[in-house]
Amino acid sequence: MSSMLHKLNNIRTLRAMSREFSIDVLEEMLEKFRTVTEEKRAEEAEMRESLAEKQQRINTLLELMKAEGISPDDLLNDAVVPKTGRNKRPARPAKYRFTDFNGEQKTWTGQGRMPKPIAQAVANGKSLDDFLI
């Protein structure tokens, strides 16, 4: 799409492309461009008008709220905001203790991938129960 925009936006490219078409075809294309441009202008004007109407309604509501002694902050502070997303569950307690390759004591809950020091010990014949806390 960007190459087409580049071609339509470059006068030299347009002149080169126009050599392939007759005047009638170029006039027809020009009329279609004008139609599309007018439609786009109408859409933008309608959108601006809609936004202006919405802003006017907001201003009216703000004035009514001020007359009643209500501020927008009052609405936000009193609003009940429903929770979104998942509830986090509490962290599981550690079930196994082991010494890592650096000599540090570490723990593992038993979930997820088995730590390498425990995996190597189990592969060498130790029981997982040997690491229970």
N, C-alpha and C. Protein backbone atom coordinates (compact mmCIF):
# COMPACT_ATOMS: atom_id res chain seq x y z
N MET A 1 0.82 -1.19 0.00
CA MET A 1 0.00 0.00 0.00
C MET A 1 0.87 1.25 0.00
N SER A 2 1.98 1.22 0.69
CA SER A 2 2.81 2.41 0.76
C SER A 2 3.42 2.74 -0.60
N SER A 3 3.68 1.73 -1.44
CA SER A 3 4.22 2.03 -2.77
C SER A 3 3.17 2.73 -3.63
N MET A 4 1.90 2.34 -3.47
CA MET A 4 0.83 3.01 -4.22
C MET A 4 0.70 4.45 -3.75
N LEU A 5 0.76 4.68 -2.45
CA LEU A 5 0.69 6.03 -1.92
C LEU A 5 1.87 6.85 -2.44
N HIS A 6 3.04 6.25 -2.48
CA HIS A 6 4.22 6.93 -2.99
C HIS A 6 4.02 7.33 -4.46
N LYS A 7 3.46 6.44 -5.24
CA LYS A 7 3.23 6.73 -6.65
C LYS A 7 2.20 7.83 -6.84
N LEU A 8 1.13 7.79 -6.04
CA LEU A 8 0.08 8.80 -6.18
C LEU A 8 0.50 10.15 -5.62
N ASN A 9 1.47 10.16 -4.75
CA ASN A 9 1.89 11.40 -4.11
C ASN A 9 3.08 12.06 -4.80
N ASN A 10 3.63 11.42 -5.81
CA ASN A 10 4.81 11.94 -6.50
C ASN A 10 4.38 12.43 -7.89
N ILE A 11 4.60 13.70 -8.16
CA ILE A 11 4.14 14.30 -9.43
C ILE A 11 4.82 13.67 -10.64
N ARG A 12 6.09 13.36 -10.52
CA ARG A 12 6.80 12.76 -11.66
C ARG A 12 6.24 11.36 -11.97
N THR A 13 6.00 10.61 -10.93
CA THR A 13 5.44 9.27 -11.13
C THR A 13 4.04 9.36 -11.73
N LEU A 14 3.25 10.32 -11.25
CA LEU A 14 1.91 10.51 -11.81
C LEU A 14 1.96 10.88 -13.29
N ARG A 15 2.89 11.74 -13.64
CA ARG A 15 3.02 12.11 -15.05
C ARG A 15 3.39 10.90 -15.90
N ALA A 16 4.31 10.09 -15.39
CA ALA A 16 4.71 8.89 -16.13
C ALA A 16 3.53 7.92 -16.26
N MET A 17 2.77 7.75 -15.20
CA MET A 17 1.61 6.84 -15.24
C MET A 17 0.52 7.39 -16.16
N SER A 18 0.37 8.72 -16.20
CA SER A 18 -0.70 9.32 -17.00
C SER A 18 -0.49 9.11 -18.50
N ARG A 19 0.73 8.85 -18.90
CA ARG A 19 1.00 8.61 -20.33
C ARG A 19 0.29 7.36 -20.84
N GLU A 20 -0.02 6.45 -19.93
CA GLU A 20 -0.66 5.18 -20.31
C GLU A 20 -2.17 5.33 -20.49
N PHE A 21 -2.76 6.46 -20.03
CA PHE A 21 -4.21 6.61 -20.04
C PHE A 21 -4.64 7.75 -20.95
N SER A 22 -5.87 7.65 -21.41
CA SER A 22 -6.43 8.74 -22.21
C SER A 22 -6.96 9.82 -21.27
N ILE A 23 -7.29 10.97 -21.86
CA ILE A 23 -7.82 12.09 -21.09
C ILE A 23 -9.14 11.70 -20.43
N ASP A 24 -9.98 10.93 -21.14
CA ASP A 24 -11.27 10.52 -20.59
C ASP A 24 -11.10 9.67 -19.33
N VAL A 25 -10.17 8.76 -19.39
CA VAL A 25 -9.92 7.89 -18.23
C VAL A 25 -9.37 8.72 -17.08
N LEU A 26 -8.46 9.63 -17.37
CA LEU A 26 -7.90 10.49 -16.32
C LEU A 26 -8.98 11.37 -15.69
N GLU A 27 -9.90 11.90 -16.52
CA GLU A 27 -11.01 12.71 -15.99
C GLU A 27 -11.90 11.87 -15.08
N GLU A 28 -12.16 10.64 -15.49
CA GLU A 28 -12.99 9.74 -14.67
C GLU A 28 -12.30 9.45 -13.34
N MET A 29 -10.99 9.20 -13.38
CA MET A 29 -10.24 8.94 -12.15
C MET A 29 -10.25 10.17 -11.24
N LEU A 30 -10.12 11.36 -11.85
CA LEU A 30 -10.14 12.59 -11.08
C LEU A 30 -11.48 12.78 -10.38
N GLU A 31 -12.56 12.48 -11.10
CA GLU A 31 -13.89 12.60 -10.50
C GLU A 31 -14.06 11.63 -9.33
N LYS A 32 -13.54 10.43 -9.47
CA LYS A 32 -13.62 9.45 -8.38
C LYS A 32 -12.79 9.91 -7.18
N PHE A 33 -11.63 10.49 -7.44
CA PHE A 33 -10.81 11.03 -6.34
C PHE A 33 -11.55 12.16 -5.62
N ARG A 34 -12.21 13.01 -6.39
CA ARG A 34 -12.98 14.10 -5.78
C ARG A 34 -14.10 13.55 -4.92
N THR A 35 -14.80 12.52 -5.42
CA THR A 35 -15.89 11.90 -4.66
C THR A 35 -15.37 11.32 -3.35
N VAL A 36 -14.27 10.60 -3.42
CA VAL A 36 -13.69 9.98 -2.23
C VAL A 36 -13.24 11.06 -1.24
N THR A 37 -12.65 12.13 -1.76
CA THR A 37 -12.18 13.22 -0.91
C THR A 37 -13.35 13.90 -0.21
N GLU A 38 -14.42 14.14 -0.93
CA GLU A 38 -15.60 14.76 -0.33
C GLU A 38 -16.21 13.86 0.74
N GLU A 39 -16.27 12.56 0.48
CA GLU A 39 -16.79 11.62 1.47
C GLU A 39 -15.93 11.65 2.73
N LYS A 40 -14.62 11.67 2.55
CA LYS A 40 -13.70 11.70 3.70
C LYS A 40 -13.89 12.99 4.50
N ARG A 41 -14.03 14.13 3.81
CA ARG A 41 -14.27 15.39 4.50
C ARG A 41 -15.58 15.35 5.27
N ALA A 42 -16.61 14.77 4.67
CA ALA A 42 -17.91 14.68 5.35
C ALA A 42 -17.81 13.79 6.59
N GLU A 43 -17.09 12.68 6.49
CA GLU A 43 -16.90 11.80 7.65
C GLU A 43 -16.18 12.52 8.78
N GLU A 44 -15.12 13.24 8.43
CA GLU A 44 -14.37 13.97 9.46
C GLU A 44 -15.21 15.07 10.08
N ALA A 45 -16.00 15.77 9.28
CA ALA A 45 -16.86 16.82 9.82
C ALA A 45 -17.91 16.22 10.75
N GLU A 46 -18.46 15.08 10.36
CA GLU A 46 -19.46 14.40 11.19
C GLU A 46 -18.83 13.95 12.51
N MET A 47 -17.61 13.46 12.46
CA MET A 47 -16.93 13.01 13.67
C MET A 47 -16.64 14.21 14.59
N ARG A 48 -16.20 15.33 14.01
CA ARG A 48 -15.95 16.52 14.82
C ARG A 48 -17.24 17.02 15.46
N GLU A 49 -18.33 16.99 14.70
CA GLU A 49 -19.62 17.42 15.22
C GLU A 49 -20.08 16.50 16.36
N SER A 50 -19.89 15.22 16.18
CA SER A 50 -20.26 14.25 17.21
C SER A 50 -19.45 14.47 18.49
N LEU A 51 -18.15 14.71 18.33
CA LEU A 51 -17.32 14.97 19.50
C LEU A 51 -17.72 16.27 20.19
N ALA A 52 -18.09 17.28 19.40
CA ALA A 52 -18.51 18.55 19.99
C ALA A 52 -19.81 18.37 20.76
N GLU A 53 -20.75 17.58 20.23
CA GLU A 53 -22.01 17.31 20.93
C GLU A 53 -21.75 16.56 22.22
N LYS A 54 -20.86 15.60 22.16
CA LYS A 54 -20.54 14.82 23.35
C LYS A 54 -19.91 15.72 24.41
N GLN A 55 -18.99 16.59 24.00
CA GLN A 55 -18.36 17.51 24.95
C GLN A 55 -19.40 18.45 25.54
N GLN A 56 -20.36 18.88 24.74
CA GLN A 56 -21.42 19.75 25.24
C GLN A 56 -22.25 19.03 26.29
N ARG A 57 -22.58 17.75 26.04
CA ARG A 57 -23.34 16.98 27.03
C ARG A 57 -22.53 16.81 28.32
N ILE A 58 -21.23 16.57 28.18
CA ILE A 58 -20.37 16.44 29.36
C ILE A 58 -20.36 17.73 30.15
N ASN A 59 -20.22 18.86 29.46
CA ASN A 59 -20.22 20.15 30.14
C ASN A 59 -21.54 20.41 30.86
N THR A 60 -22.65 20.04 30.22
CA THR A 60 -23.97 20.21 30.85
C THR A 60 -24.06 19.37 32.12
N LEU A 61 -23.62 18.12 32.05
CA LEU A 61 -23.66 17.25 33.22
C LEU A 61 -22.75 17.77 34.33
N LEU A 62 -21.58 18.29 33.96
CA LEU A 62 -20.68 18.85 34.97
C LEU A 62 -21.32 20.05 35.67
N GLU A 63 -22.01 20.90 34.90
CA GLU A 63 -22.68 22.05 35.49
C GLU A 63 -23.79 21.60 36.44
N LEU A 64 -24.55 20.59 36.04
CA LEU A 64 -25.60 20.06 36.92
C LEU A 64 -25.01 19.47 38.20
N MET A 65 -23.89 18.78 38.06
CA MET A 65 -23.24 18.20 39.24
C MET A 65 -22.75 19.29 40.18
N LYS A 66 -22.15 20.34 39.61
CA LYS A 66 -21.67 21.45 40.44
C LYS A 66 -22.82 22.13 41.17
N ALA A 67 -23.95 22.25 40.49
CA ALA A 67 -25.12 22.87 41.12
C ALA A 67 -25.61 22.03 42.30
N GLU A 68 -25.44 20.73 42.23
CA GLU A 68 -25.85 19.84 43.30
C GLU A 68 -24.75 19.63 44.34
N GLY A 69 -23.57 20.21 44.10
CA GLY A 69 -22.47 20.09 45.06
C GLY A 69 -21.70 18.79 44.92
N ILE A 70 -21.73 18.18 43.75
CA ILE A 70 -21.02 16.92 43.50
C ILE A 70 -19.86 17.21 42.57
N SER A 71 -18.69 16.70 42.95
CA SER A 71 -17.53 16.88 42.08
C SER A 71 -17.24 15.55 41.38
N PRO A 72 -16.56 15.60 40.25
CA PRO A 72 -16.20 14.35 39.55
C PRO A 72 -15.36 13.43 40.43
N ASP A 73 -14.55 14.02 41.31
CA ASP A 73 -13.75 13.19 42.22
C ASP A 73 -14.63 12.40 43.18
N ASP A 74 -15.76 13.00 43.58
CA ASP A 74 -16.69 12.28 44.47
C ASP A 74 -17.21 11.02 43.79
N LEU A 75 -17.50 11.13 42.50
CA LEU A 75 -17.99 9.96 41.78
C LEU A 75 -16.92 8.88 41.69
N LEU A 76 -15.70 9.29 41.45
CA LEU A 76 -14.63 8.30 41.30
C LEU A 76 -14.26 7.67 42.62
N ASN A 77 -14.29 8.43 43.69
CA ASN A 77 -13.92 7.87 44.99
C ASN A 77 -14.96 6.91 45.53
N ASP A 78 -16.24 7.17 45.24
CA ASP A 78 -17.30 6.34 45.76
C ASP A 78 -17.63 5.15 44.87
N ALA A 79 -17.08 5.14 43.69
CA ALA A 79 -17.41 4.07 42.73
C ALA A 79 -16.83 2.75 43.21
N VAL A 80 -17.61 1.72 43.02
CA VAL A 80 -17.13 0.37 43.32
C VAL A 80 -16.53 -0.18 42.04
N VAL A 81 -15.25 -0.46 42.08
CA VAL A 81 -14.55 -0.95 40.91
C VAL A 81 -14.48 -2.47 41.01
N PRO A 82 -15.10 -3.17 40.07
CA PRO A 82 -15.03 -4.63 40.12
C PRO A 82 -13.61 -5.11 39.82
N LYS A 83 -13.25 -6.21 40.46
CA LYS A 83 -11.93 -6.78 40.21
C LYS A 83 -11.88 -7.34 38.80
N THR A 84 -10.76 -7.16 38.19
CA THR A 84 -10.57 -7.74 36.87
C THR A 84 -9.39 -8.69 36.95
N GLY A 85 -9.40 -9.64 36.10
CA GLY A 85 -8.30 -10.59 36.08
C GLY A 85 -8.50 -11.69 37.10
N ARG A 86 -7.50 -12.50 37.22
CA ARG A 86 -7.58 -13.64 38.12
C ARG A 86 -7.13 -13.25 39.51
N ASN A 87 -7.68 -13.93 40.49
CA ASN A 87 -7.22 -13.74 41.86
C ASN A 87 -5.95 -14.55 42.03
N LYS A 88 -4.96 -13.93 42.63
CA LYS A 88 -3.72 -14.65 42.88
C LYS A 88 -3.91 -15.58 44.06
N ARG A 89 -3.43 -16.75 43.92
CA ARG A 89 -3.49 -17.67 45.05
C ARG A 89 -2.25 -17.45 45.89
N PRO A 90 -2.32 -17.80 47.15
CA PRO A 90 -1.14 -17.61 47.99
C PRO A 90 0.00 -18.53 47.54
N ALA A 91 1.21 -18.10 47.80
CA ALA A 91 2.38 -18.89 47.42
C ALA A 91 2.37 -20.21 48.20
N ARG A 92 2.76 -21.24 47.53
CA ARG A 92 2.82 -22.54 48.21
C ARG A 92 4.05 -22.60 49.09
N PRO A 93 3.93 -23.30 50.21
CA PRO A 93 5.10 -23.42 51.08
C PRO A 93 6.13 -24.35 50.46
N ALA A 94 7.38 -24.12 50.81
CA ALA A 94 8.46 -24.96 50.30
C ALA A 94 8.31 -26.37 50.88
N LYS A 95 8.57 -27.37 50.05
CA LYS A 95 8.41 -28.76 50.45
C LYS A 95 9.77 -29.47 50.52
N TYR A 96 10.72 -29.00 49.71
CA TYR A 96 12.02 -29.66 49.64
C TYR A 96 13.13 -28.63 49.88
N ARG A 97 14.22 -29.07 50.48
CA ARG A 97 15.40 -28.22 50.69
C ARG A 97 16.58 -28.94 50.05
N PHE A 98 17.44 -28.17 49.39
CA PHE A 98 18.61 -28.75 48.74
C PHE A 98 19.73 -27.71 48.73
N THR A 99 20.93 -28.17 48.44
CA THR A 99 22.09 -27.30 48.32
C THR A 99 22.43 -27.21 46.84
N ASP A 100 22.51 -25.96 46.32
CA ASP A 100 22.78 -25.81 44.89
C ASP A 100 24.27 -25.95 44.61
N PHE A 101 24.66 -25.75 43.37
CA PHE A 101 26.05 -25.94 42.95
C PHE A 101 27.00 -24.93 43.57
N ASN A 102 26.46 -23.79 44.04
CA ASN A 102 27.28 -22.76 44.68
C ASN A 102 27.38 -22.97 46.18
N GLY A 103 26.76 -24.00 46.69
CA GLY A 103 26.79 -24.30 48.12
C GLY A 103 25.74 -23.56 48.92
N GLU A 104 24.78 -22.93 48.27
CA GLU A 104 23.72 -22.19 48.95
C GLU A 104 22.53 -23.11 49.20
N GLN A 105 21.88 -22.92 50.35
CA GLN A 105 20.67 -23.68 50.68
C GLN A 105 19.49 -23.05 49.93
N LYS A 106 18.76 -23.86 49.21
CA LYS A 106 17.60 -23.40 48.44
C LYS A 106 16.42 -24.30 48.77
N THR A 107 15.22 -23.82 48.45
CA THR A 107 14.01 -24.62 48.65
C THR A 107 13.25 -24.73 47.34
N TRP A 108 12.37 -25.74 47.30
CA TRP A 108 11.54 -25.99 46.11
C TRP A 108 10.18 -26.43 46.60
N THR A 109 9.13 -25.94 45.95
CA THR A 109 7.76 -26.26 46.38
C THR A 109 7.30 -27.61 45.87
N GLY A 110 8.00 -28.17 44.91
CA GLY A 110 7.56 -29.42 44.32
C GLY A 110 6.78 -29.19 43.04
N GLN A 111 6.58 -27.93 42.68
CA GLN A 111 5.88 -27.61 41.44
C GLN A 111 6.87 -27.09 40.43
N GLY A 112 6.55 -27.26 39.18
CA GLY A 112 7.42 -26.78 38.13
C GLY A 112 8.57 -27.73 37.89
N ARG A 113 9.53 -27.27 37.15
CA ARG A 113 10.69 -28.09 36.80
C ARG A 113 11.52 -28.39 38.04
N MET A 114 11.95 -29.61 38.13
CA MET A 114 12.77 -30.03 39.27
C MET A 114 14.14 -29.36 39.16
N PRO A 115 14.63 -28.76 40.26
CA PRO A 115 15.95 -28.13 40.22
C PRO A 115 17.03 -29.15 39.85
N LYS A 116 18.05 -28.69 39.13
CA LYS A 116 19.10 -29.59 38.65
C LYS A 116 19.79 -30.37 39.75
N PRO A 117 20.14 -29.75 40.89
CA PRO A 117 20.80 -30.55 41.93
C PRO A 117 19.94 -31.72 42.42
N ILE A 118 18.64 -31.48 42.56
CA ILE A 118 17.75 -32.57 42.99
C ILE A 118 17.62 -33.60 41.87
N ALA A 119 17.47 -33.14 40.63
CA ALA A 119 17.34 -34.06 39.50
C ALA A 119 18.57 -34.95 39.37
N GLN A 120 19.75 -34.38 39.56
CA GLN A 120 20.98 -35.19 39.47
C GLN A 120 21.06 -36.19 40.61
N ALA A 121 20.67 -35.78 41.81
CA ALA A 121 20.71 -36.69 42.95
C ALA A 121 19.72 -37.83 42.76
N VAL A 122 18.53 -37.54 42.25
CA VAL A 122 17.53 -38.59 42.00
C VAL A 122 18.03 -39.53 40.91
N ALA A 123 18.70 -38.97 39.89
CA ALA A 123 19.24 -39.81 38.81
C ALA A 123 20.35 -40.71 39.34
N ASN A 124 21.07 -40.28 40.39
CA ASN A 124 22.15 -41.07 40.97
C ASN A 124 21.66 -42.04 42.04
N GLY A 125 20.34 -42.14 42.22
CA GLY A 125 19.81 -43.14 43.12
C GLY A 125 19.20 -42.61 44.40
N LYS A 126 19.29 -41.33 44.70
CA LYS A 126 18.68 -40.80 45.92
C LYS A 126 17.17 -40.72 45.73
N SER A 127 16.46 -40.68 46.84
CA SER A 127 15.01 -40.56 46.81
C SER A 127 14.62 -39.10 46.97
N LEU A 128 13.51 -38.74 46.40
CA LEU A 128 13.00 -37.36 46.56
C LEU A 128 12.68 -37.10 48.02
N ASP A 129 12.32 -38.15 48.74
CA ASP A 129 12.00 -38.01 50.16
C ASP A 129 13.21 -37.57 50.98
N ASP A 130 14.43 -37.78 50.46
CA ASP A 130 15.64 -37.37 51.16
C ASP A 130 15.73 -35.84 51.27
N PHE A 131 15.00 -35.13 50.43
CA PHE A 131 15.09 -33.68 50.40
C PHE A 131 13.92 -33.00 51.12
N LEU A 132 12.99 -33.79 51.66
CA LEU A 132 11.83 -33.22 52.35
C LEU A 132 12.26 -32.35 53.52
N ILE A 133 11.51 -31.29 53.74
CA ILE A 133 11.80 -30.41 54.86
C ILE A 133 11.17 -30.97 56.11
